[in-house]
């Protein structure tokens, strides 16, 4: 989506506040002993109170309001009564929703309670790389160059990136052009960021894997070589200078 009218930006800010606040409140609400289904229901209620609708459910008939992935699950985890959260779990929550015809997307990985398994360094690295990537985005910058920055920073920190999970355009639907904002440099991909466009940029920083594979449930993604991943995501508007981050209320950056 490209913003051409002031009311369009107002609409994008409204839905971005909804998803950002939902994500922040879900993180605060998560407790050991809670199921991911209970946490998802809490998030779904927060969205509905604002009049918003779950984007993955609306678009893909996803069996949940939000995606909640735990430990070895990298993304698109289905909320379940069988998955019980434990102290030290590596959790990723991805919240996306629609309100009045506008769509926004954001996500965050975090450790539940004490960092008993040593995941915090991975999480901090992912968050820091997202911050650096966002500050590199502006009108006419090649998308692949930002992907290269993400990959280079991950390597310096001793990690890898997931190559088949990417950010994307957003605004009037969940996934729009540009369809690929990858975490690596693809020299064949010539597309550039354009001023006033709305995009969702996300990191997928991994300890071992470089690809994500879909499990038998048709949704949950795990790494091709195991390990763990941290994801952080913001929806933003590209400008000629630093981007305007629309989901800042989630507290990621």
Protein backbone atom coordinates (compact mmCIF):
# COMPACT_ATOMS: atom_id res chain seq x y z
CA UNK A 1 0.00 0.00 0.00
CA UNK A 2 1.16 3.51 -0.75
CA UNK A 3 -0.21 6.34 1.38
CA UNK A 4 -1.74 9.02 -0.84
CA UNK A 5 -4.27 10.61 1.52
CA UNK A 6 -4.00 11.79 5.12
CA UNK A 7 -6.94 9.60 6.20
CA UNK A 8 -5.12 6.50 4.96
CA UNK A 9 -2.26 7.13 7.37
CA UNK A 10 -4.80 7.71 10.15
CA UNK A 11 -6.33 4.31 9.36
CA UNK A 12 -2.93 2.60 9.34
CA UNK A 13 -1.99 4.18 12.65
CA UNK A 14 -5.25 3.01 14.22
CA UNK A 15 -4.87 -0.66 13.30
CA UNK A 16 -1.13 -0.55 14.07
CA UNK A 17 -1.90 0.66 17.58
CA UNK A 18 -4.37 -2.20 18.01
CA UNK A 19 -1.93 -4.95 17.02
CA UNK A 20 0.98 -3.36 18.88
CA UNK A 21 -0.95 -2.98 22.13
CA UNK A 22 -2.39 -6.50 21.77
CA UNK A 23 1.11 -7.92 21.39
CA UNK A 24 2.44 -5.95 24.36
CA UNK A 25 -0.45 -7.04 26.58
CA UNK A 26 -0.15 -10.68 25.51
CA UNK A 27 3.54 -10.71 26.46
CA UNK A 28 2.69 -9.23 29.87
CA UNK A 29 -0.17 -11.71 30.34
CA UNK A 30 1.84 -14.86 29.52
CA UNK A 31 2.57 -17.01 32.60
CA UNK A 32 4.01 -20.49 33.26
CA UNK A 33 1.21 -23.05 33.42
CA UNK A 34 -0.93 -21.21 30.87
CA UNK A 35 -1.76 -22.90 27.57
CA UNK A 36 -1.06 -21.17 24.28
CA UNK A 37 -4.79 -21.39 23.57
CA UNK A 38 -5.56 -19.41 26.72
CA UNK A 39 -3.00 -16.79 25.71
CA UNK A 40 -4.43 -16.63 22.20
CA UNK A 41 -7.97 -16.19 23.52
CA UNK A 42 -6.74 -13.28 25.63
CA UNK A 43 -5.21 -11.65 22.55
CA UNK A 44 -8.29 -12.33 20.45
CA UNK A 45 -10.48 -10.65 23.04
CA UNK A 46 -8.22 -7.58 23.07
CA UNK A 47 -8.48 -7.27 19.29
CA UNK A 48 -12.25 -7.73 19.29
CA UNK A 49 -12.65 -5.05 21.97
CA UNK A 50 -11.06 -2.65 19.49
CA UNK A 51 -13.27 -3.82 16.63
CA UNK A 52 -10.38 -5.51 14.82
CA UNK A 53 -10.36 -8.94 13.19
CA UNK A 54 -7.55 -11.49 13.18
CA UNK A 55 -5.66 -11.22 9.89
CA UNK A 56 -4.44 -14.85 9.58
CA UNK A 57 -7.89 -16.17 10.45
CA UNK A 58 -9.61 -13.78 8.05
CA UNK A 59 -7.16 -14.32 5.19
CA UNK A 60 -6.12 -17.96 5.51
CA UNK A 61 -8.66 -19.47 7.93
CA UNK A 62 -5.82 -19.95 10.42
CA UNK A 63 -7.07 -21.86 13.51
CA UNK A 64 -6.39 -19.10 16.01
CA UNK A 65 -6.43 -15.34 16.54
CA UNK A 66 -2.64 -15.07 16.68
CA UNK A 67 0.38 -17.24 15.90
CA UNK A 68 2.15 -18.50 19.03
CA UNK A 69 5.34 -20.51 18.52
CA UNK A 70 7.23 -22.10 21.41
CA UNK A 71 10.88 -23.26 21.56
CA UNK A 72 11.69 -25.34 18.45
CA UNK A 73 8.65 -23.99 16.57
CA UNK A 74 9.89 -21.08 14.48
CA UNK A 75 6.64 -19.50 13.24
CA UNK A 76 2.92 -19.98 12.57
CA UNK A 77 2.41 -22.04 15.72
CA UNK A 78 -1.24 -23.03 16.26
CA UNK A 79 -2.63 -22.04 19.69
CA UNK A 80 -3.36 -25.27 21.56
CA UNK A 81 -4.79 -26.57 24.83
CA UNK A 82 -1.98 -29.14 24.80
CA UNK A 83 0.94 -26.68 24.76
CA UNK A 84 1.57 -25.52 28.33
CA UNK A 85 4.00 -22.65 28.81
CA UNK A 86 7.01 -23.27 31.05
CA UNK A 87 9.52 -21.03 32.81
CA UNK A 88 12.35 -20.18 30.40
CA UNK A 89 10.43 -21.01 27.21
CA UNK A 90 11.40 -19.16 24.05
CA UNK A 91 8.07 -17.79 22.83
CA UNK A 92 7.18 -15.94 19.65
CA UNK A 93 3.86 -14.13 19.29
CA UNK A 94 2.83 -12.74 15.92
CA UNK A 95 -0.21 -10.45 15.92
CA UNK A 96 -1.77 -9.15 12.72
CA UNK A 97 -5.25 -7.75 12.25
CA UNK A 98 -7.66 -5.73 10.11
CA UNK A 99 -9.66 -2.66 11.13
CA UNK A 100 -11.83 -0.59 8.79
CA UNK A 101 -10.07 -1.98 5.72
CA UNK A 102 -6.51 -1.40 7.00
CA UNK A 103 -4.09 -4.17 8.01
CA UNK A 104 -1.01 -4.23 10.23
CA UNK A 105 1.43 -6.90 11.42
CA UNK A 106 3.95 -7.22 14.24
CA UNK A 107 5.75 -9.87 16.24
CA UNK A 108 8.17 -10.44 19.09
CA UNK A 109 10.22 -13.27 20.59
CA UNK A 110 10.83 -13.29 24.35
CA UNK A 111 11.82 -15.54 27.23
CA UNK A 112 9.05 -16.41 29.66
CA UNK A 113 10.33 -15.59 33.13
CA UNK A 114 13.92 -16.50 33.95
CA UNK A 115 16.33 -17.22 31.09
CA UNK A 116 17.10 -20.76 32.26
CA UNK A 117 18.03 -21.99 28.76
CA UNK A 118 20.18 -19.07 27.61
CA UNK A 119 17.91 -17.69 24.86
CA UNK A 120 18.22 -14.01 25.78
CA UNK A 121 21.35 -13.35 23.71
CA UNK A 122 19.58 -14.60 20.56
CA UNK A 123 16.56 -12.42 21.34
CA UNK A 124 18.65 -9.32 22.00
CA UNK A 125 20.59 -9.87 18.77
CA UNK A 126 17.38 -10.17 16.74
CA UNK A 127 15.98 -7.01 18.27
CA UNK A 128 19.21 -5.08 17.68
CA UNK A 129 19.42 -6.23 14.05
CA UNK A 130 15.83 -5.16 13.41
CA UNK A 131 16.64 -1.72 14.81
CA UNK A 132 19.64 -1.38 12.48
CA UNK A 133 17.64 -2.62 9.48
CA UNK A 134 14.83 -0.15 10.09
CA UNK A 135 17.24 2.77 10.25
CA UNK A 136 18.66 1.77 6.85
CA UNK A 137 15.27 1.84 5.13
CA UNK A 138 14.32 4.88 3.07
CA UNK A 139 13.12 5.82 -0.39
CA UNK A 140 15.09 4.19 -3.26
CA UNK A 141 17.16 1.89 -1.03
CA UNK A 142 17.36 -1.60 -2.52
CA UNK A 143 15.40 -4.12 -0.49
CA UNK A 144 18.15 -6.68 -1.02
CA UNK A 145 20.72 -4.35 0.54
CA UNK A 146 18.74 -4.28 3.78
CA UNK A 147 18.54 -8.07 3.62
CA UNK A 148 22.30 -8.15 3.26
CA UNK A 149 22.67 -5.94 6.32
CA UNK A 150 20.51 -8.33 8.35
CA UNK A 151 22.50 -11.35 7.20
CA UNK A 152 25.87 -9.69 7.82
CA UNK A 153 24.90 -8.61 11.33
CA UNK A 154 23.63 -12.10 12.13
CA UNK A 155 26.90 -13.67 10.98
CA UNK A 156 28.97 -11.24 13.06
CA UNK A 157 27.02 -12.32 16.11
CA UNK A 158 27.50 -16.01 15.33
CA UNK A 159 24.01 -16.70 13.99
CA UNK A 160 22.27 -17.47 10.71
CA UNK A 161 19.12 -16.22 9.01
CA UNK A 162 16.07 -18.11 7.80
CA UNK A 163 16.02 -17.56 4.05
CA UNK A 164 12.44 -18.56 3.23
CA UNK A 165 10.69 -16.42 5.85
CA UNK A 166 10.44 -12.77 4.88
CA UNK A 167 8.82 -9.44 5.54
CA UNK A 168 6.31 -8.04 3.06
CA UNK A 169 4.18 -5.16 1.93
CA UNK A 170 0.93 -4.58 3.83
CA UNK A 171 -1.88 -2.07 4.17
CA UNK A 172 -5.06 -2.97 2.30
CA UNK A 173 -4.46 -6.71 2.78
CA UNK A 174 -2.12 -8.84 4.87
CA UNK A 175 0.42 -9.55 2.14
CA UNK A 176 1.07 -7.07 -0.67
CA UNK A 177 3.95 -5.96 -2.86
CA UNK A 178 6.81 -6.07 -2.24
CA UNK A 179 6.18 -9.75 -1.47
CA UNK A 180 9.75 -10.42 -0.38
CA UNK A 181 11.72 -8.44 2.18
CA UNK A 182 14.24 -11.17 2.85
CA UNK A 183 16.86 -11.54 5.59
CA UNK A 184 19.69 -12.04 3.09
CA UNK A 185 21.15 -10.36 0.00
CA UNK A 186 19.65 -11.57 -3.28
CA UNK A 187 21.55 -9.77 -6.02
CA UNK A 188 18.91 -10.79 -8.58
CA UNK A 189 16.19 -8.94 -6.68
CA UNK A 190 16.22 -5.34 -7.90
CA UNK A 191 13.16 -3.95 -6.11
CA UNK A 192 13.56 -0.81 -3.98
CA UNK A 193 11.72 0.68 -1.05
CA UNK A 194 9.44 3.52 -2.12
CA UNK A 195 8.45 6.60 -0.13
CA UNK A 196 4.96 6.44 1.42
CA UNK A 197 4.72 2.67 1.03
CA UNK A 198 3.71 0.50 3.99
CA UNK A 199 5.82 -2.56 4.74
CA UNK A 200 6.26 -5.11 7.52
CA UNK A 201 9.94 -5.79 8.18
CA UNK A 202 10.94 -8.76 10.33
CA UNK A 203 14.07 -10.58 11.40
CA UNK A 204 14.43 -14.35 11.58
CA UNK A 205 17.73 -14.93 13.39
CA UNK A 206 18.62 -18.60 13.93
CA UNK A 207 21.12 -20.65 15.89
CA UNK A 208 21.46 -23.55 13.42
CA UNK A 209 18.88 -23.60 10.61
CA UNK A 210 18.69 -21.63 7.36
CA UNK A 211 15.27 -22.81 6.13
CA UNK A 212 11.88 -23.37 7.74
CA UNK A 213 9.83 -26.48 6.99
CA UNK A 214 6.07 -26.90 7.39
CA UNK A 215 4.91 -29.64 9.77
CA UNK A 216 2.06 -32.12 9.33
CA UNK A 217 -0.49 -29.72 10.84
CA UNK A 218 -0.06 -27.59 7.71
CA UNK A 219 0.97 -24.47 9.64
CA UNK A 220 3.76 -24.84 12.19
CA UNK A 221 7.26 -24.15 10.88
CA UNK A 222 10.46 -25.67 12.29
CA UNK A 223 14.10 -25.37 11.23
CA UNK A 224 15.69 -27.67 8.68
CA UNK A 225 18.63 -28.20 11.05
CA UNK A 226 16.90 -27.71 14.38
CA UNK A 227 17.93 -25.09 16.90
CA UNK A 228 16.02 -21.94 17.76
CA UNK A 229 14.96 -18.70 16.10
CA UNK A 230 14.09 -15.19 17.28
CA UNK A 231 11.76 -12.96 15.28
CA UNK A 232 10.97 -9.28 15.72
CA UNK A 233 8.72 -7.28 13.42
CA UNK A 234 7.42 -3.76 12.86
CA UNK A 235 5.01 -2.25 10.37
CA UNK A 236 6.27 1.08 9.04
CA UNK A 237 5.87 3.75 6.41
CA UNK A 238 8.90 4.36 4.18
CA UNK A 239 9.95 8.01 3.84
CA UNK A 240 12.84 9.89 2.23
CA UNK A 241 14.56 9.81 5.61
CA UNK A 242 14.11 7.53 8.65
CA UNK A 243 10.94 5.43 8.42
CA UNK A 244 7.84 6.16 10.47
CA UNK A 245 7.38 3.06 12.64
CA UNK A 246 3.66 2.52 13.16
CA UNK A 247 3.77 -0.34 15.71
CA UNK A 248 6.06 1.30 18.28
CA UNK A 249 3.48 0.74 21.04
CA UNK A 250 4.51 -2.94 21.18
CA UNK A 251 7.76 -1.92 22.88
CA UNK A 252 10.12 -3.86 20.59
CA UNK A 253 12.36 -0.92 19.66
